[in-house]
Amino acid sequence: EVILETGIKICFTGTARDESGTEITREYLESIAISRGLEVVSSVTKSSCDLLVASDKSSMSGKAKKARDYGITVISVSEFMERI
């Protein structure tokens, strides 16, 4: 399990929504990550990303597929919000 600590490289994918269906903007999620000392990256590569936060954890988007292929942990937005 990836611990959300300073320096972790994190990438976001998909359109996040809260429990009521309201969109949570990528900018908002990124600002939270940055405020906690995480490094936001835009793409998933073996060396550039430690954790992928996906709006749909079971997504097979390009980023999610790459993350799984590289063994990078994929968590949901709600898991991210709980851990942060």
N, C-alpha and C. Protein backbone atom coordinates (compact mmCIF):
# COMPACT_ATOMS: atom_id res chain seq x y z
N GLU A 1 0.85 -1.19 0.00
CA GLU A 1 0.00 0.00 0.00
C GLU A 1 0.89 1.24 0.00
N VAL A 2 0.54 2.18 -0.86
CA VAL A 2 1.28 3.43 -0.96
C VAL A 2 0.82 4.39 0.14
N ILE A 3 1.78 4.89 0.90
CA ILE A 3 1.49 5.87 1.95
C ILE A 3 1.57 7.26 1.32
N LEU A 4 0.57 8.07 1.56
CA LEU A 4 0.56 9.42 1.00
C LEU A 4 1.47 10.32 1.82
N GLU A 5 2.73 10.37 1.42
CA GLU A 5 3.71 11.18 2.13
C GLU A 5 4.42 12.10 1.16
N THR A 6 5.07 13.11 1.69
CA THR A 6 5.76 14.10 0.88
C THR A 6 6.62 13.43 -0.19
N GLY A 7 6.49 13.94 -1.42
CA GLY A 7 7.30 13.45 -2.52
C GLY A 7 6.68 12.35 -3.36
N ILE A 8 5.60 11.75 -2.89
CA ILE A 8 4.92 10.73 -3.68
C ILE A 8 4.42 11.36 -4.98
N LYS A 9 4.63 10.67 -6.10
CA LYS A 9 4.16 11.17 -7.40
C LYS A 9 2.78 10.58 -7.65
N ILE A 10 1.81 11.47 -7.85
CA ILE A 10 0.41 11.05 -7.96
C ILE A 10 -0.19 11.58 -9.26
N CYS A 11 -1.01 10.75 -9.87
CA CYS A 11 -1.66 11.10 -11.13
C CYS A 11 -3.16 10.86 -10.96
N PHE A 12 -3.96 11.69 -11.62
CA PHE A 12 -5.43 11.56 -11.56
C PHE A 12 -5.97 11.21 -12.93
N THR A 13 -7.06 10.43 -12.96
CA THR A 13 -7.72 10.12 -14.22
C THR A 13 -9.23 10.05 -14.03
N GLY A 14 -9.96 10.42 -15.05
CA GLY A 14 -11.42 10.36 -15.00
C GLY A 14 -12.04 11.60 -14.37
N THR A 15 -13.36 11.67 -14.44
CA THR A 15 -14.12 12.77 -13.85
C THR A 15 -14.66 12.31 -12.51
N ALA A 16 -14.13 12.89 -11.45
CA ALA A 16 -14.51 12.49 -10.09
C ALA A 16 -15.85 13.11 -9.70
N ARG A 17 -16.61 12.35 -8.90
CA ARG A 17 -17.89 12.84 -8.39
C ARG A 17 -18.00 12.47 -6.92
N ASP A 18 -18.69 13.33 -6.16
CA ASP A 18 -18.91 13.00 -4.75
C ASP A 18 -20.17 12.12 -4.64
N GLU A 19 -20.55 11.81 -3.40
CA GLU A 19 -21.68 10.89 -3.17
C GLU A 19 -22.97 11.39 -3.79
N SER A 20 -23.13 12.72 -3.91
CA SER A 20 -24.37 13.26 -4.46
C SER A 20 -24.31 13.43 -5.98
N GLY A 21 -23.17 13.06 -6.58
CA GLY A 21 -23.05 13.14 -8.03
C GLY A 21 -22.46 14.44 -8.54
N THR A 22 -22.10 15.34 -7.63
CA THR A 22 -21.50 16.62 -8.02
C THR A 22 -20.05 16.40 -8.43
N GLU A 23 -19.66 17.02 -9.52
CA GLU A 23 -18.29 16.85 -10.00
C GLU A 23 -17.28 17.47 -9.04
N ILE A 24 -16.19 16.74 -8.81
CA ILE A 24 -15.06 17.24 -8.05
C ILE A 24 -13.98 17.53 -9.10
N THR A 25 -13.62 18.79 -9.23
CA THR A 25 -12.70 19.14 -10.32
C THR A 25 -11.30 18.57 -10.09
N ARG A 26 -10.64 18.29 -11.18
CA ARG A 26 -9.26 17.81 -11.13
C ARG A 26 -8.38 18.84 -10.43
N GLU A 27 -8.64 20.13 -10.70
CA GLU A 27 -7.85 21.20 -10.09
C GLU A 27 -7.96 21.14 -8.56
N TYR A 28 -9.16 20.89 -8.07
CA TYR A 28 -9.37 20.80 -6.62
C TYR A 28 -8.58 19.62 -6.04
N LEU A 29 -8.69 18.46 -6.67
CA LEU A 29 -7.98 17.28 -6.19
C LEU A 29 -6.47 17.50 -6.23
N GLU A 30 -5.99 18.10 -7.32
CA GLU A 30 -4.56 18.37 -7.44
C GLU A 30 -4.10 19.36 -6.37
N SER A 31 -4.92 20.37 -6.09
CA SER A 31 -4.53 21.36 -5.07
C SER A 31 -4.43 20.72 -3.69
N ILE A 32 -5.31 19.78 -3.40
CA ILE A 32 -5.24 19.05 -2.12
C ILE A 32 -3.93 18.26 -2.07
N ALA A 33 -3.64 17.55 -3.15
CA ALA A 33 -2.42 16.74 -3.20
C ALA A 33 -1.18 17.62 -2.99
N ILE A 34 -1.13 18.72 -3.71
CA ILE A 34 0.03 19.63 -3.62
C ILE A 34 0.16 20.20 -2.21
N SER A 35 -0.97 20.55 -1.60
CA SER A 35 -0.93 21.12 -0.24
C SER A 35 -0.41 20.11 0.77
N ARG A 36 -0.47 18.82 0.45
CA ARG A 36 0.02 17.76 1.34
C ARG A 36 1.44 17.32 0.98
N GLY A 37 2.06 18.05 0.03
CA GLY A 37 3.44 17.73 -0.33
C GLY A 37 3.61 16.66 -1.37
N LEU A 38 2.50 16.27 -2.02
CA LEU A 38 2.58 15.27 -3.07
C LEU A 38 2.94 15.95 -4.38
N GLU A 39 3.56 15.20 -5.28
CA GLU A 39 3.94 15.74 -6.58
C GLU A 39 2.93 15.25 -7.62
N VAL A 40 2.18 16.19 -8.22
CA VAL A 40 1.18 15.83 -9.21
C VAL A 40 1.86 15.69 -10.58
N VAL A 41 1.62 14.54 -11.22
CA VAL A 41 2.16 14.30 -12.56
C VAL A 41 0.99 14.05 -13.50
N SER A 42 1.22 14.30 -14.80
CA SER A 42 0.11 14.21 -15.74
C SER A 42 0.02 12.87 -16.46
N SER A 43 1.09 12.08 -16.42
CA SER A 43 1.05 10.81 -17.14
C SER A 43 1.56 9.67 -16.27
N VAL A 44 1.22 8.46 -16.69
CA VAL A 44 1.62 7.26 -15.97
C VAL A 44 2.76 6.59 -16.73
N THR A 45 3.93 6.57 -16.12
CA THR A 45 5.04 5.78 -16.64
C THR A 45 5.63 5.03 -15.45
N LYS A 46 6.48 4.06 -15.73
CA LYS A 46 7.06 3.27 -14.65
C LYS A 46 7.75 4.13 -13.61
N SER A 47 8.44 5.17 -14.07
CA SER A 47 9.23 5.97 -13.13
C SER A 47 8.59 7.30 -12.73
N SER A 48 7.53 7.70 -13.44
CA SER A 48 6.98 9.04 -13.15
C SER A 48 5.77 9.04 -12.23
N CYS A 49 5.24 7.89 -11.87
CA CYS A 49 4.00 7.85 -11.11
C CYS A 49 4.06 6.75 -10.05
N ASP A 50 3.74 7.11 -8.79
CA ASP A 50 3.71 6.13 -7.70
C ASP A 50 2.30 5.67 -7.38
N LEU A 51 1.30 6.51 -7.72
CA LEU A 51 -0.08 6.23 -7.35
C LEU A 51 -1.02 6.87 -8.35
N LEU A 52 -2.03 6.11 -8.80
CA LEU A 52 -3.05 6.65 -9.70
C LEU A 52 -4.36 6.73 -8.95
N VAL A 53 -4.97 7.91 -8.98
CA VAL A 53 -6.29 8.11 -8.38
C VAL A 53 -7.29 8.16 -9.53
N ALA A 54 -8.19 7.19 -9.57
CA ALA A 54 -9.14 7.07 -10.67
C ALA A 54 -10.56 7.32 -10.19
N SER A 55 -11.32 8.04 -11.01
CA SER A 55 -12.72 8.26 -10.65
C SER A 55 -13.46 6.93 -10.58
N ASP A 56 -13.07 5.99 -11.42
CA ASP A 56 -13.62 4.64 -11.40
C ASP A 56 -12.44 3.69 -11.24
N LYS A 57 -12.32 3.12 -10.05
CA LYS A 57 -11.17 2.27 -9.72
C LYS A 57 -11.04 1.08 -10.66
N SER A 58 -12.14 0.60 -11.23
CA SER A 58 -12.09 -0.55 -12.12
C SER A 58 -11.92 -0.12 -13.59
N SER A 59 -11.71 1.16 -13.79
CA SER A 59 -11.54 1.71 -15.13
C SER A 59 -10.45 0.98 -15.90
N MET A 60 -10.64 0.88 -17.21
CA MET A 60 -9.60 0.34 -18.07
C MET A 60 -9.14 1.45 -19.02
N SER A 61 -9.16 2.69 -18.54
CA SER A 61 -8.65 3.81 -19.33
C SER A 61 -7.18 3.56 -19.63
N GLY A 62 -6.63 4.33 -20.54
CA GLY A 62 -5.22 4.19 -20.87
C GLY A 62 -4.33 4.30 -19.65
N LYS A 63 -4.59 5.32 -18.83
CA LYS A 63 -3.77 5.53 -17.62
C LYS A 63 -3.93 4.37 -16.65
N ALA A 64 -5.16 3.93 -16.44
CA ALA A 64 -5.40 2.84 -15.48
C ALA A 64 -4.78 1.54 -15.96
N LYS A 65 -4.88 1.26 -17.25
CA LYS A 65 -4.28 0.04 -17.80
C LYS A 65 -2.77 0.07 -17.65
N LYS A 66 -2.16 1.21 -17.99
CA LYS A 66 -0.71 1.35 -17.84
C LYS A 66 -0.30 1.16 -16.38
N ALA A 67 -1.04 1.79 -15.48
CA ALA A 67 -0.71 1.68 -14.05
C ALA A 67 -0.72 0.21 -13.62
N ARG A 68 -1.74 -0.51 -14.01
CA ARG A 68 -1.82 -1.93 -13.64
C ARG A 68 -0.68 -2.72 -14.27
N ASP A 69 -0.38 -2.43 -15.53
CA ASP A 69 0.72 -3.12 -16.22
C ASP A 69 2.06 -2.89 -15.50
N TYR A 70 2.25 -1.69 -14.96
CA TYR A 70 3.50 -1.34 -14.28
C TYR A 70 3.49 -1.69 -12.79
N GLY A 71 2.35 -2.19 -12.29
CA GLY A 71 2.26 -2.53 -10.87
C GLY A 71 2.06 -1.31 -9.97
N ILE A 72 1.56 -0.21 -10.55
CA ILE A 72 1.30 1.01 -9.80
C ILE A 72 -0.07 0.89 -9.13
N THR A 73 -0.15 1.25 -7.87
CA THR A 73 -1.41 1.17 -7.12
C THR A 73 -2.45 2.12 -7.71
N VAL A 74 -3.69 1.62 -7.84
CA VAL A 74 -4.81 2.43 -8.31
C VAL A 74 -5.82 2.50 -7.17
N ILE A 75 -6.18 3.73 -6.78
CA ILE A 75 -7.20 3.90 -5.74
C ILE A 75 -8.31 4.81 -6.27
N SER A 76 -9.45 4.76 -5.60
CA SER A 76 -10.57 5.62 -5.99
C SER A 76 -10.41 7.00 -5.38
N VAL A 77 -11.18 7.94 -5.88
CA VAL A 77 -11.15 9.30 -5.34
C VAL A 77 -11.58 9.29 -3.87
N SER A 78 -12.58 8.49 -3.53
CA SER A 78 -13.03 8.45 -2.13
C SER A 78 -11.92 7.89 -1.23
N GLU A 79 -11.18 6.90 -1.71
CA GLU A 79 -10.05 6.37 -0.93
C GLU A 79 -8.98 7.47 -0.74
N PHE A 80 -8.72 8.22 -1.81
CA PHE A 80 -7.77 9.32 -1.74
C PHE A 80 -8.20 10.32 -0.68
N MET A 81 -9.48 10.70 -0.70
CA MET A 81 -9.99 11.70 0.24
C MET A 81 -9.92 11.19 1.69
N GLU A 82 -10.16 9.89 1.88
CA GLU A 82 -10.08 9.31 3.22
C GLU A 82 -8.63 9.31 3.72
N ARG A 83 -7.70 8.97 2.84
CA ARG A 83 -6.29 8.87 3.24
C ARG A 83 -5.64 10.23 3.47
N ILE A 84 -6.10 11.24 2.75
CA ILE A 84 -5.48 12.54 2.83
C ILE A 84 -5.91 13.21 4.11
